[in-house]
Amino acid sequence: MATRSVVMYHFEISKKVNKRIQFYGKSITASEVIGEILKQRKDSFDRDELHIFDVQTGHEYVGSDPITKNTYLCVKRLPRSARQMVMKKIRKIDSSIKPTKPLPITLEQPIVLTEEQIAKKKAEEEKKKIGNEKNSLLCECGNLLKGAVICLNCGDTICEKCLEKGVCPSCNEEVNEDNTSPKQEVRDCVEEFIKKYPDFVEN
């Protein structure tokens, strides 16, 4: 039976909370890695926004570039400008429609929002930002990575509750103090998140 290979990745903002992608063979392409990341995170990212880099060399992998097993990757989200997004939508218009007049100038003018709309928009953006930050600090079991440790069997980071249960939720192997190692930087991130956003933490 073929053995699965692994590459590890973390988002730049998550301060090295490593997740893993399993595959068969000696390497996986950059496009396949991005596809797997989108499946795991279930976020509304456009795949063109995600860029992956080798943690050690800083080299960016794109398209069909091969990434060998056991490589550690840093994922950066680089959103495209609003103008680029508008142009993308315009290009999708049926080519058979050929306007005889220039686009109305109103399309180029900024939309004026009321103070209430601006406040609501900021609140929604802040909530989404906090939600994304929380997602980056979750264990595979769904809990925050309190008392985070690394499972030496698979390299994934798990929470203290999983350690107490004695089973890693990622590889389903037995875990204890002998085959785990404290992940202090993740613990610090979790504690900081709890202090900053107590309303977003379930008791």
C-alpha atoms as a PDB file:
ATOM      1  CA  MET A   1       0.000   0.000   0.000  1.00  0.00           C
ATOM      2  CA  ALA A   2       1.387   3.389  -1.026  1.00  0.00           C
ATOM      3  CA  THR A   3       2.531   5.672   1.766  1.00  0.00           C
ATOM      4  CA  ARG A   4       1.115   9.174   1.919  1.00  0.00           C
ATOM      5  CA  SER A   5       3.501  12.109   1.753  1.00  0.00           C
ATOM      6  CA  VAL A   6       2.964  15.394   3.603  1.00  0.00           C
ATOM      7  CA  VAL A   7       3.635  19.119   3.204  1.00  0.00           C
ATOM      8  CA  MET A   8       2.975  21.532   6.074  1.00  0.00           C
ATOM      9  CA  TYR A   9       1.605  25.057   5.721  1.00  0.00           C
ATOM     10  CA  HIS A  10       0.567  28.029   7.815  1.00  0.00           C
ATOM     11  CA  PHE A  11      -0.920  31.418   7.001  1.00  0.00           C
ATOM     12  CA  GLU A  12       1.406  34.365   7.542  1.00  0.00           C
ATOM     13  CA  ILE A  13      -1.024  35.911  10.087  1.00  0.00           C
ATOM     14  CA  SER A  14      -1.379  32.698  12.111  1.00  0.00           C
ATOM     15  CA  LYS A  15       2.193  32.714  13.439  1.00  0.00           C
ATOM     16  CA  LYS A  16       3.060  29.193  12.327  1.00  0.00           C
ATOM     17  CA  VAL A  17      -0.018  27.204  13.346  1.00  0.00           C
ATOM     18  CA  ASN A  18       0.912  24.386  10.968  1.00  0.00           C
ATOM     19  CA  LYS A  19      -1.651  22.420   8.993  1.00  0.00           C
ATOM     20  CA  ARG A  20      -0.837  19.523   6.736  1.00  0.00           C
ATOM     21  CA  ILE A  21      -1.748  18.352   3.253  1.00  0.00           C
ATOM     22  CA  GLN A  22      -1.411  14.669   2.428  1.00  0.00           C
ATOM     23  CA  PHE A  23      -0.788  13.287  -1.054  1.00  0.00           C
ATOM     24  CA  TYR A  24       0.663  10.283  -2.831  1.00  0.00           C
ATOM     25  CA  GLY A  25       4.042  10.510  -4.534  1.00  0.00           C
ATOM     26  CA  LYS A  26       7.226  12.510  -4.018  1.00  0.00           C
ATOM     27  CA  SER A  27       5.797  15.930  -4.884  1.00  0.00           C
ATOM     28  CA  ILE A  28       2.616  17.964  -5.331  1.00  0.00           C
ATOM     29  CA  THR A  29       2.068  21.037  -7.547  1.00  0.00           C
ATOM     30  CA  ALA A  30       1.500  24.557  -6.233  1.00  0.00           C
ATOM     31  CA  SER A  31      -1.976  24.630  -7.820  1.00  0.00           C
ATOM     32  CA  GLU A  32      -2.927  21.393  -6.063  1.00  0.00           C
ATOM     33  CA  VAL A  33      -1.703  22.767  -2.724  1.00  0.00           C
ATOM     34  CA  ILE A  34      -3.806  25.920  -3.117  1.00  0.00           C
ATOM     35  CA  GLY A  35      -6.818  23.786  -4.033  1.00  0.00           C
ATOM     36  CA  GLU A  36      -6.370  21.660  -0.892  1.00  0.00           C
ATOM     37  CA  ILE A  37      -5.982  24.770   1.294  1.00  0.00           C
ATOM     38  CA  LEU A  38      -9.262  26.178  -0.036  1.00  0.00           C
ATOM     39  CA  LYS A  39     -10.997  22.849   0.697  1.00  0.00           C
ATOM     40  CA  GLN A  40      -9.645  22.706   4.249  1.00  0.00           C
ATOM     41  CA  ARG A  41     -10.386  26.307   5.198  1.00  0.00           C
ATOM     42  CA  LYS A  42     -13.733  26.634   3.391  1.00  0.00           C
ATOM     43  CA  ASP A  43     -13.155  30.390   3.096  1.00  0.00           C
ATOM     44  CA  SER A  44     -14.369  32.615   0.282  1.00  0.00           C
ATOM     45  CA  PHE A  45     -10.839  33.306  -0.953  1.00  0.00           C
ATOM     46  CA  ASP A  46     -10.246  33.586  -4.684  1.00  0.00           C
ATOM     47  CA  ARG A  47      -7.488  31.078  -5.482  1.00  0.00           C
ATOM     48  CA  ASP A  48      -5.620  33.890  -7.288  1.00  0.00           C
ATOM     49  CA  GLU A  49      -5.331  35.705  -3.928  1.00  0.00           C
ATOM     50  CA  LEU A  50      -3.287  32.926  -2.305  1.00  0.00           C
ATOM     51  CA  HIS A  51       0.487  32.794  -2.763  1.00  0.00           C
ATOM     52  CA  ILE A  52       2.674  30.065  -1.272  1.00  0.00           C
ATOM     53  CA  PHE A  53       6.328  30.379  -0.292  1.00  0.00           C
ATOM     54  CA  ASP A  54       9.012  28.009   0.975  1.00  0.00           C
ATOM     55  CA  VAL A  55       9.560  28.880   4.652  1.00  0.00           C
ATOM     56  CA  GLN A  56      13.319  28.251   4.474  1.00  0.00           C
ATOM     57  CA  THR A  57      14.226  29.790   1.101  1.00  0.00           C
ATOM     58  CA  GLY A  58      11.412  32.299   0.553  1.00  0.00           C
ATOM     59  CA  HIS A  59      10.907  30.896  -2.966  1.00  0.00           C
ATOM     60  CA  GLU A  60       7.369  31.326  -4.320  1.00  0.00           C
ATOM     61  CA  TYR A  61       5.708  28.272  -5.884  1.00  0.00           C
ATOM     62  CA  VAL A  62       3.230  28.897  -8.692  1.00  0.00           C
ATOM     63  CA  GLY A  63       1.136  26.840 -11.092  1.00  0.00           C
ATOM     64  CA  SER A  64       2.701  23.480 -11.892  1.00  0.00           C
ATOM     65  CA  ASP A  65       5.835  24.045  -9.782  1.00  0.00           C
ATOM     66  CA  PRO A  66       6.563  20.799  -7.877  1.00  0.00           C
ATOM     67  CA  ILE A  67       6.723  20.951  -4.081  1.00  0.00           C
ATOM     68  CA  THR A  68       8.535  18.008  -2.532  1.00  0.00           C
ATOM     69  CA  LYS A  69       7.254  16.143   0.498  1.00  0.00           C
ATOM     70  CA  ASN A  70       8.039  17.426   4.005  1.00  0.00           C
ATOM     71  CA  THR A  71       8.315  21.022   2.743  1.00  0.00           C
ATOM     72  CA  TYR A  72       7.127  23.755   5.114  1.00  0.00           C
ATOM     73  CA  LEU A  73       5.112  26.485   3.381  1.00  0.00           C
ATOM     74  CA  CYS A  74       3.972  29.989   4.307  1.00  0.00           C
ATOM     75  CA  VAL A  75       0.688  31.100   2.708  1.00  0.00           C
ATOM     76  CA  LYS A  76       0.106  34.784   2.059  1.00  0.00           C
ATOM     77  CA  ARG A  77      -3.194  36.296   0.998  1.00  0.00           C
ATOM     78  CA  LEU A  78      -2.673  39.158  -1.449  1.00  0.00           C
ATOM     79  CA  PRO A  79      -6.139  40.543  -2.340  1.00  0.00           C
ATOM     80  CA  ARG A  80      -6.522  42.077  -5.757  1.00  0.00           C
ATOM     81  CA  SER A  81      -7.570  45.687  -6.004  1.00  0.00           C
ATOM     82  CA  ALA A  82     -11.222  46.607  -6.379  1.00  0.00           C
ATOM     83  CA  ARG A  83     -10.438  47.912  -9.849  1.00  0.00           C
ATOM     84  CA  GLN A  84      -9.101  44.527 -10.935  1.00  0.00           C
ATOM     85  CA  MET A  85     -12.228  42.831  -9.622  1.00  0.00           C
ATOM     86  CA  VAL A  86     -14.455  45.228 -11.567  1.00  0.00           C
ATOM     87  CA  MET A  87     -12.493  44.630 -14.766  1.00  0.00           C
ATOM     88  CA  LYS A  88     -12.800  40.876 -14.286  1.00  0.00           C
ATOM     89  CA  LYS A  89     -16.586  41.172 -14.080  1.00  0.00           C
ATOM     90  CA  ILE A  90     -16.695  43.438 -17.122  1.00  0.00           C
ATOM     91  CA  ARG A  91     -14.732  40.894 -19.179  1.00  0.00           C
ATOM     92  CA  LYS A  92     -17.391  38.289 -18.392  1.00  0.00           C
ATOM     93  CA  ILE A  93     -20.053  40.307 -20.217  1.00  0.00           C
ATOM     94  CA  ASP A  94     -21.247  38.549 -23.352  1.00  0.00           C
ATOM     95  CA  SER A  95     -18.896  39.525 -26.176  1.00  0.00           C
ATOM     96  CA  SER A  96     -21.898  39.924 -28.468  1.00  0.00           C
ATOM     97  CA  ILE A  97     -22.978  43.000 -26.526  1.00  0.00           C
ATOM     98  CA  LYS A  98     -21.075  45.939 -27.965  1.00  0.00           C
ATOM     99  CA  PRO A  99     -22.039  49.262 -26.364  1.00  0.00           C
ATOM    100  CA  THR A 100     -22.027  52.174 -28.792  1.00  0.00           C
ATOM    101  CA  LYS A 101     -21.524  54.720 -26.028  1.00  0.00           C
ATOM    102  CA  PRO A 102     -18.916  55.002 -23.285  1.00  0.00           C
ATOM    103  CA  LEU A 103     -19.845  53.571 -19.911  1.00  0.00           C
ATOM    104  CA  PRO A 104     -21.781  56.085 -17.802  1.00  0.00           C
ATOM    105  CA  ILE A 105     -19.507  58.181 -15.661  1.00  0.00           C
ATOM    106  CA  THR A 106     -21.515  57.073 -12.628  1.00  0.00           C
ATOM    107  CA  LEU A 107     -19.744  53.708 -12.801  1.00  0.00           C
ATOM    108  CA  GLU A 108     -16.460  55.478 -12.119  1.00  0.00           C
ATOM    109  CA  GLN A 109     -17.797  57.586  -9.274  1.00  0.00           C
ATOM    110  CA  PRO A 110     -17.411  56.380  -5.672  1.00  0.00           C
ATOM    111  CA  ILE A 111     -20.551  55.221  -3.881  1.00  0.00           C
ATOM    112  CA  VAL A 112     -21.482  57.569  -1.053  1.00  0.00           C
ATOM    113  CA  LEU A 113     -22.465  55.726   2.129  1.00  0.00           C
ATOM    114  CA  THR A 114     -24.269  57.069   5.169  1.00  0.00           C
ATOM    115  CA  GLU A 115     -22.545  57.055   8.559  1.00  0.00           C
ATOM    116  CA  GLU A 116     -24.785  54.182   9.622  1.00  0.00           C
ATOM    117  CA  GLN A 117     -23.819  52.160   6.539  1.00  0.00           C
ATOM    118  CA  ILE A 118     -20.136  52.897   7.091  1.00  0.00           C
ATOM    119  CA  ALA A 119     -20.362  51.820  10.746  1.00  0.00           C
ATOM    120  CA  LYS A 120     -22.207  48.632   9.771  1.00  0.00           C
ATOM    121  CA  LYS A 121     -19.661  47.825   7.065  1.00  0.00           C
ATOM    122  CA  LYS A 122     -16.750  48.352   9.478  1.00  0.00           C
ATOM    123  CA  ALA A 123     -18.436  46.133  12.071  1.00  0.00           C
ATOM    124  CA  GLU A 124     -18.946  43.365   9.501  1.00  0.00           C
ATOM    125  CA  GLU A 125     -15.335  43.605   8.317  1.00  0.00           C
ATOM    126  CA  GLU A 126     -14.055  43.519  11.903  1.00  0.00           C
ATOM    127  CA  LYS A 127     -16.229  40.500  12.708  1.00  0.00           C
ATOM    128  CA  LYS A 128     -14.948  38.679   9.624  1.00  0.00           C
ATOM    129  CA  LYS A 129     -11.349  39.564  10.512  1.00  0.00           C
ATOM    130  CA  ILE A 130     -11.773  38.254  14.056  1.00  0.00           C
ATOM    131  CA  GLY A 131     -13.479  35.118  12.735  1.00  0.00           C
ATOM    132  CA  ASN A 132     -10.576  34.411  10.369  1.00  0.00           C
ATOM    133  CA  GLU A 133      -8.081  34.950  13.181  1.00  0.00           C
ATOM    134  CA  LYS A 134     -10.032  32.561  15.406  1.00  0.00           C
ATOM    135  CA  ASN A 135     -10.174  29.924  12.646  1.00  0.00           C
ATOM    136  CA  SER A 136      -6.378  30.045  12.392  1.00  0.00           C
ATOM    137  CA  LEU A 137      -6.161  29.217  16.118  1.00  0.00           C
ATOM    138  CA  LEU A 138      -8.510  26.223  16.123  1.00  0.00           C
ATOM    139  CA  CYS A 139      -7.526  22.631  16.748  1.00  0.00           C
ATOM    140  CA  GLU A 140      -8.791  19.924  14.368  1.00  0.00           C
ATOM    141  CA  CYS A 141     -11.362  19.062  17.060  1.00  0.00           C
ATOM    142  CA  GLY A 142     -12.877  22.557  16.747  1.00  0.00           C
ATOM    143  CA  ASN A 143     -11.640  23.972  20.060  1.00  0.00           C
ATOM    144  CA  LEU A 144      -9.169  26.798  20.524  1.00  0.00           C
ATOM    145  CA  LEU A 145      -5.571  25.612  20.754  1.00  0.00           C
ATOM    146  CA  LYS A 146      -5.310  26.214  24.499  1.00  0.00           C
ATOM    147  CA  GLY A 147      -2.255  24.508  25.985  1.00  0.00           C
ATOM    148  CA  ALA A 148      -1.112  23.813  22.414  1.00  0.00           C
ATOM    149  CA  VAL A 149       1.334  20.976  21.787  1.00  0.00           C
ATOM    150  CA  ILE A 150       2.837  19.436  18.655  1.00  0.00           C
ATOM    151  CA  CYS A 151       1.971  15.815  17.985  1.00  0.00           C
ATOM    152  CA  LEU A 152       5.330  14.321  17.026  1.00  0.00           C
ATOM    153  CA  ASN A 153       3.591  11.484  15.157  1.00  0.00           C
ATOM    154  CA  CYS A 154       2.186  13.767  12.442  1.00  0.00           C
ATOM    155  CA  GLY A 155       3.550  17.266  13.124  1.00  0.00           C
ATOM    156  CA  ASP A 156       0.110  18.806  13.665  1.00  0.00           C
ATOM    157  CA  THR A 157      -0.689  21.173  16.541  1.00  0.00           C
ATOM    158  CA  ILE A 158      -3.405  20.007  18.947  1.00  0.00           C
ATOM    159  CA  CYS A 159      -5.103  21.426  22.056  1.00  0.00           C
ATOM    160  CA  GLU A 160      -4.866  20.385  25.704  1.00  0.00           C
ATOM    161  CA  LYS A 161      -8.283  18.688  25.576  1.00  0.00           C
ATOM    162  CA  CYS A 162      -7.101  16.330  22.847  1.00  0.00           C
ATOM    163  CA  LEU A 163      -3.941  15.649  24.848  1.00  0.00           C
ATOM    164  CA  GLU A 164      -6.094  14.816  27.880  1.00  0.00           C
ATOM    165  CA  LYS A 165      -8.210  12.452  25.765  1.00  0.00           C
ATOM    166  CA  GLY A 166      -5.009  10.824  24.536  1.00  0.00           C
ATOM    167  CA  VAL A 167      -5.845  10.790  20.811  1.00  0.00           C
ATOM    168  CA  CYS A 168      -4.638  13.140  18.068  1.00  0.00           C
ATOM    169  CA  PRO A 169      -7.647  14.299  15.965  1.00  0.00           C
ATOM    170  CA  SER A 170      -5.452  14.565  12.855  1.00  0.00           C
ATOM    171  CA  CYS A 171      -3.739  11.176  12.713  1.00  0.00           C
ATOM    172  CA  ASN A 172      -5.832   9.290  15.314  1.00  0.00           C
ATOM    173  CA  GLU A 173      -2.634   8.093  16.982  1.00  0.00           C
ATOM    174  CA  GLU A 174      -2.221   7.875  20.752  1.00  0.00           C
ATOM    175  CA  VAL A 175      -0.706  11.017  22.277  1.00  0.00           C
ATOM    176  CA  ASN A 176       0.849  11.688  25.662  1.00  0.00           C
ATOM    177  CA  GLU A 177       3.538  13.864  27.196  1.00  0.00           C
ATOM    178  CA  ASP A 178       6.253  11.612  25.770  1.00  0.00           C
ATOM    179  CA  ASN A 179       5.324  12.071  22.098  1.00  0.00           C
ATOM    180  CA  THR A 180       4.231  15.715  22.179  1.00  0.00           C
ATOM    181  CA  SER A 181       6.060  18.995  22.620  1.00  0.00           C
ATOM    182  CA  PRO A 182       4.701  22.345  23.924  1.00  0.00           C
ATOM    183  CA  LYS A 183       3.982  24.967  21.241  1.00  0.00           C
ATOM    184  CA  GLN A 184       4.548  28.124  23.273  1.00  0.00           C
ATOM    185  CA  GLU A 185       4.127  30.648  20.445  1.00  0.00           C
ATOM    186  CA  VAL A 186       0.677  29.223  19.662  1.00  0.00           C
ATOM    187  CA  ARG A 187      -0.275  29.249  23.340  1.00  0.00           C
ATOM    188  CA  ASP A 188       0.702  32.931  23.502  1.00  0.00           C
ATOM    189  CA  CYS A 189      -1.396  33.727  20.414  1.00  0.00           C
ATOM    190  CA  VAL A 190      -4.427  31.970  21.886  1.00  0.00           C
ATOM    191  CA  GLU A 191      -4.103  33.773  25.224  1.00  0.00           C
ATOM    192  CA  GLU A 192      -3.773  37.105  23.429  1.00  0.00           C
ATOM    193  CA  PHE A 193      -6.880  36.349  21.337  1.00  0.00           C
ATOM    194  CA  ILE A 194      -8.908  35.442  24.438  1.00  0.00           C
ATOM    195  CA  LYS A 195      -7.914  38.689  26.139  1.00  0.00           C
ATOM    196  CA  LYS A 196      -8.681  40.835  23.076  1.00  0.00           C
ATOM    197  CA  TYR A 197     -11.937  39.151  22.023  1.00  0.00           C
ATOM    198  CA  PRO A 198     -13.565  37.439  25.043  1.00  0.00           C
ATOM    199  CA  ASP A 199     -17.006  37.662  23.391  1.00  0.00           C
ATOM    200  CA  PHE A 200     -15.783  35.377  20.600  1.00  0.00           C
ATOM    201  CA  VAL A 201     -14.647  32.646  22.975  1.00  0.00           C
ATOM    202  CA  GLU A 202     -17.031  29.899  23.998  1.00  0.00           C
ATOM    203  CA  ASN A 203     -16.957  28.948  27.659  1.00  0.00           C
END
